[in-house]
Amino acid sequence: TDVKTGLIELAYALYKKGSFNEGKTELKDIIRLLEKAFSVDLGNYPRTFQEILSRKTGYTSFMDKLRECLILYINAIEQKYDR
C-alpha cells in the first residue's frame, strides 16, 4: 500500500549495494523481481528516479522511514525484555 516511488528507492539501493548475485544482477532484473513480488507495475522507473533526485527534502525518504520504523521496533523489543 506504500507508494511505488518507495519501491524504486529500494530497488536502486539494492542494486547499488550489490545485494543480488554478488552485484552482477542488473537493475532492470531487480525491478522485475520487485514488480512480481509485490504485484505492481513500476512503470518508467528511470523517470521516477529522476524525480527522486529532484526532491528538496532528501533523496531517501522511504528508506529513512524504513530505518526509523525498524529501530523503533528493535527498541520496543529491547525494552520489553530489559524490564
N, C-alpha and C. Protein backbone atom coordinates (compact mmCIF):
# COMPACT_ATOMS: atom_id res chain seq x y z
N THR A 1 0.81 -1.21 0.00
CA THR A 1 0.00 0.00 0.00
C THR A 1 0.85 1.27 0.00
N ASP A 2 2.15 1.12 0.10
CA ASP A 2 3.02 2.29 0.02
C ASP A 2 3.13 2.78 -1.41
N VAL A 3 3.77 3.91 -1.59
CA VAL A 3 3.92 4.48 -2.92
C VAL A 3 4.96 3.70 -3.73
N LYS A 4 4.77 3.68 -5.04
CA LYS A 4 5.70 2.98 -5.92
C LYS A 4 7.10 3.57 -5.86
N THR A 5 7.17 4.86 -5.62
CA THR A 5 8.46 5.53 -5.53
C THR A 5 9.33 4.89 -4.45
N GLY A 6 8.72 4.48 -3.36
CA GLY A 6 9.46 3.82 -2.28
C GLY A 6 10.10 2.53 -2.74
N LEU A 7 9.37 1.77 -3.53
CA LEU A 7 9.89 0.51 -4.04
C LEU A 7 11.03 0.77 -5.02
N ILE A 8 10.94 1.86 -5.76
CA ILE A 8 12.01 2.22 -6.69
C ILE A 8 13.25 2.65 -5.91
N GLU A 9 13.07 3.40 -4.83
CA GLU A 9 14.20 3.73 -3.94
C GLU A 9 14.88 2.46 -3.47
N LEU A 10 14.07 1.52 -3.02
CA LEU A 10 14.60 0.24 -2.52
C LEU A 10 15.35 -0.51 -3.62
N ALA A 11 14.79 -0.55 -4.82
CA ALA A 11 15.44 -1.25 -5.93
C ALA A 11 16.81 -0.66 -6.24
N TYR A 12 16.89 0.65 -6.32
CA TYR A 12 18.18 1.29 -6.60
C TYR A 12 19.17 1.04 -5.48
N ALA A 13 18.71 1.07 -4.23
CA ALA A 13 19.60 0.81 -3.09
C ALA A 13 20.14 -0.62 -3.14
N LEU A 14 19.27 -1.58 -3.40
CA LEU A 14 19.71 -2.97 -3.51
C LEU A 14 20.69 -3.16 -4.66
N TYR A 15 20.42 -2.48 -5.76
CA TYR A 15 21.29 -2.56 -6.93
C TYR A 15 22.67 -1.97 -6.63
N LYS A 16 22.70 -0.77 -6.08
CA LYS A 16 23.98 -0.12 -5.82
C LYS A 16 24.78 -0.81 -4.72
N LYS A 17 24.09 -1.48 -3.80
CA LYS A 17 24.79 -2.23 -2.76
C LYS A 17 25.33 -3.55 -3.29
N GLY A 18 24.79 -4.00 -4.42
CA GLY A 18 25.22 -5.29 -4.97
C GLY A 18 24.64 -6.45 -4.19
N SER A 19 23.39 -6.30 -3.79
CA SER A 19 22.76 -7.28 -2.90
C SER A 19 22.41 -8.61 -3.56
N PHE A 20 22.37 -8.66 -4.87
CA PHE A 20 21.99 -9.89 -5.56
C PHE A 20 23.13 -10.40 -6.44
N ASN A 21 23.38 -11.71 -6.36
CA ASN A 21 24.33 -12.37 -7.25
C ASN A 21 25.69 -11.65 -7.26
N GLU A 22 26.18 -11.34 -6.08
CA GLU A 22 27.48 -10.70 -5.91
C GLU A 22 27.60 -9.40 -6.73
N GLY A 23 26.50 -8.67 -6.83
CA GLY A 23 26.50 -7.39 -7.53
C GLY A 23 26.40 -7.49 -9.03
N LYS A 24 26.15 -8.68 -9.55
CA LYS A 24 26.10 -8.88 -11.00
C LYS A 24 24.70 -8.76 -11.59
N THR A 25 23.69 -8.60 -10.74
CA THR A 25 22.31 -8.50 -11.22
C THR A 25 22.04 -7.08 -11.70
N GLU A 26 21.43 -6.99 -12.87
CA GLU A 26 21.09 -5.69 -13.45
C GLU A 26 19.91 -5.06 -12.71
N LEU A 27 19.86 -3.74 -12.74
CA LEU A 27 18.77 -3.01 -12.10
C LEU A 27 17.42 -3.44 -12.66
N LYS A 28 17.31 -3.60 -13.96
CA LYS A 28 16.03 -3.98 -14.57
C LYS A 28 15.54 -5.33 -14.03
N ASP A 29 16.47 -6.22 -13.71
CA ASP A 29 16.08 -7.52 -13.17
C ASP A 29 15.58 -7.40 -11.73
N ILE A 30 16.19 -6.51 -10.97
CA ILE A 30 15.72 -6.26 -9.61
C ILE A 30 14.34 -5.62 -9.66
N ILE A 31 14.15 -4.68 -10.58
CA ILE A 31 12.84 -4.06 -10.76
C ILE A 31 11.80 -5.12 -11.09
N ARG A 32 12.11 -5.98 -12.03
CA ARG A 32 11.16 -7.05 -12.41
C ARG A 32 10.83 -7.95 -11.22
N LEU A 33 11.84 -8.29 -10.44
CA LEU A 33 11.63 -9.14 -9.26
C LEU A 33 10.67 -8.47 -8.28
N LEU A 34 10.90 -7.19 -8.00
CA LEU A 34 10.05 -6.46 -7.07
C LEU A 34 8.64 -6.29 -7.63
N GLU A 35 8.53 -6.04 -8.93
CA GLU A 35 7.21 -5.93 -9.55
C GLU A 35 6.42 -7.22 -9.38
N LYS A 36 7.10 -8.33 -9.61
CA LYS A 36 6.43 -9.63 -9.49
C LYS A 36 6.08 -9.93 -8.03
N ALA A 37 7.02 -9.68 -7.13
CA ALA A 37 6.82 -9.98 -5.71
C ALA A 37 5.67 -9.17 -5.12
N PHE A 38 5.52 -7.92 -5.56
CA PHE A 38 4.51 -7.04 -5.00
C PHE A 38 3.32 -6.81 -5.92
N SER A 39 3.27 -7.55 -7.03
CA SER A 39 2.17 -7.44 -8.00
C SER A 39 1.89 -5.98 -8.35
N VAL A 40 2.93 -5.31 -8.82
CA VAL A 40 2.82 -3.90 -9.15
C VAL A 40 3.64 -3.62 -10.41
N ASP A 41 3.22 -2.63 -11.17
CA ASP A 41 3.97 -2.17 -12.34
C ASP A 41 4.67 -0.87 -11.95
N LEU A 42 5.99 -0.87 -11.95
CA LEU A 42 6.74 0.30 -11.54
C LEU A 42 6.94 1.29 -12.68
N GLY A 43 6.43 0.96 -13.84
CA GLY A 43 6.42 1.90 -14.95
C GLY A 43 7.80 2.37 -15.37
N ASN A 44 7.90 3.64 -15.67
CA ASN A 44 9.14 4.24 -16.14
C ASN A 44 10.01 4.58 -14.93
N TYR A 45 10.67 3.57 -14.38
CA TYR A 45 11.43 3.76 -13.15
C TYR A 45 12.62 4.71 -13.30
N PRO A 46 13.28 4.80 -14.47
CA PRO A 46 14.34 5.82 -14.57
C PRO A 46 13.80 7.25 -14.42
N ARG A 47 12.61 7.48 -14.97
CA ARG A 47 11.97 8.80 -14.84
C ARG A 47 11.63 9.07 -13.38
N THR A 48 11.10 8.07 -12.70
CA THR A 48 10.78 8.23 -11.28
C THR A 48 12.05 8.51 -10.47
N PHE A 49 13.14 7.85 -10.84
CA PHE A 49 14.39 8.09 -10.13
C PHE A 49 14.86 9.53 -10.35
N GLN A 50 14.64 10.06 -11.54
CA GLN A 50 14.97 11.47 -11.79
C GLN A 50 14.15 12.38 -10.87
N GLU A 51 12.90 12.01 -10.64
CA GLU A 51 12.06 12.78 -9.72
C GLU A 51 12.58 12.69 -8.28
N ILE A 52 13.07 11.51 -7.92
CA ILE A 52 13.67 11.34 -6.59
C ILE A 52 14.87 12.27 -6.45
N LEU A 53 15.66 12.39 -7.49
CA LEU A 53 16.85 13.25 -7.45
C LEU A 53 16.51 14.73 -7.33
N SER A 54 15.29 15.08 -7.70
CA SER A 54 14.90 16.50 -7.63
C SER A 54 14.19 16.85 -6.33
N ARG A 55 14.09 15.92 -5.41
CA ARG A 55 13.45 16.20 -4.12
C ARG A 55 14.22 17.26 -3.35
N LYS A 56 13.48 18.10 -2.68
CA LYS A 56 14.09 19.15 -1.85
C LYS A 56 14.28 18.68 -0.41
N THR A 57 13.55 17.66 0.00
CA THR A 57 13.56 17.22 1.40
C THR A 57 14.42 15.98 1.63
N GLY A 58 15.20 15.57 0.67
CA GLY A 58 16.06 14.40 0.83
C GLY A 58 15.74 13.34 -0.20
N TYR A 59 16.75 12.63 -0.58
CA TYR A 59 16.62 11.63 -1.65
C TYR A 59 16.02 10.31 -1.19
N THR A 60 16.13 10.01 0.08
CA THR A 60 15.78 8.66 0.54
C THR A 60 14.68 8.66 1.59
N SER A 61 13.62 9.36 1.34
CA SER A 61 12.57 9.48 2.36
C SER A 61 11.97 8.12 2.73
N PHE A 62 11.75 7.25 1.76
CA PHE A 62 11.19 5.93 2.06
C PHE A 62 12.18 5.09 2.86
N MET A 63 13.43 5.08 2.42
CA MET A 63 14.45 4.29 3.11
C MET A 63 14.66 4.82 4.53
N ASP A 64 14.62 6.13 4.69
CA ASP A 64 14.76 6.72 6.02
C ASP A 64 13.63 6.28 6.93
N LYS A 65 12.41 6.26 6.41
CA LYS A 65 11.25 5.85 7.20
C LYS A 65 11.34 4.36 7.55
N LEU A 66 11.81 3.53 6.60
CA LEU A 66 12.01 2.11 6.90
C LEU A 66 12.97 1.93 8.06
N ARG A 67 14.09 2.64 8.00
CA ARG A 67 15.11 2.55 9.05
C ARG A 67 14.52 2.99 10.39
N GLU A 68 13.83 4.11 10.37
CA GLU A 68 13.22 4.63 11.60
C GLU A 68 12.25 3.63 12.22
N CYS A 69 11.41 3.02 11.40
CA CYS A 69 10.43 2.05 11.90
C CYS A 69 11.11 0.81 12.46
N LEU A 70 12.16 0.35 11.80
CA LEU A 70 12.89 -0.83 12.28
C LEU A 70 13.57 -0.54 13.62
N ILE A 71 14.17 0.63 13.74
CA ILE A 71 14.83 0.99 15.00
C ILE A 71 13.81 1.09 16.13
N LEU A 72 12.66 1.69 15.88
CA LEU A 72 11.60 1.76 16.90
C LEU A 72 11.15 0.36 17.32
N TYR A 73 11.02 -0.54 16.35
CA TYR A 73 10.62 -1.93 16.64
C TYR A 73 11.67 -2.62 17.50
N ILE A 74 12.93 -2.47 17.15
CA ILE A 74 14.01 -3.09 17.91
C ILE A 74 14.06 -2.51 19.33
N ASN A 75 13.91 -1.20 19.44
CA ASN A 75 13.91 -0.58 20.77
C ASN A 75 12.76 -1.09 21.63
N ALA A 76 11.60 -1.28 21.03
CA ALA A 76 10.44 -1.80 21.77
C ALA A 76 10.72 -3.22 22.26
N ILE A 77 11.34 -4.03 21.44
CA ILE A 77 11.68 -5.40 21.85
C ILE A 77 12.69 -5.37 23.00
N GLU A 78 13.70 -4.52 22.85
CA GLU A 78 14.71 -4.42 23.92
C GLU A 78 14.08 -3.97 25.23
N GLN A 79 13.17 -3.00 25.19
CA GLN A 79 12.53 -2.52 26.40
C GLN A 79 11.67 -3.62 27.03
N LYS A 80 11.03 -4.40 26.20
CA LYS A 80 10.17 -5.47 26.70
C LYS A 80 10.98 -6.51 27.49
N TYR A 81 12.19 -6.81 27.02
CA TYR A 81 12.97 -7.86 27.66
C TYR A 81 14.01 -7.35 28.66
N ASP A 82 14.21 -6.02 28.73
CA ASP A 82 15.15 -5.48 29.71
C ASP A 82 14.53 -5.28 31.07
N ARG A 83 13.26 -5.00 31.09
CA ARG A 83 12.50 -4.75 32.32
C ARG A 83 13.38 -4.25 33.39
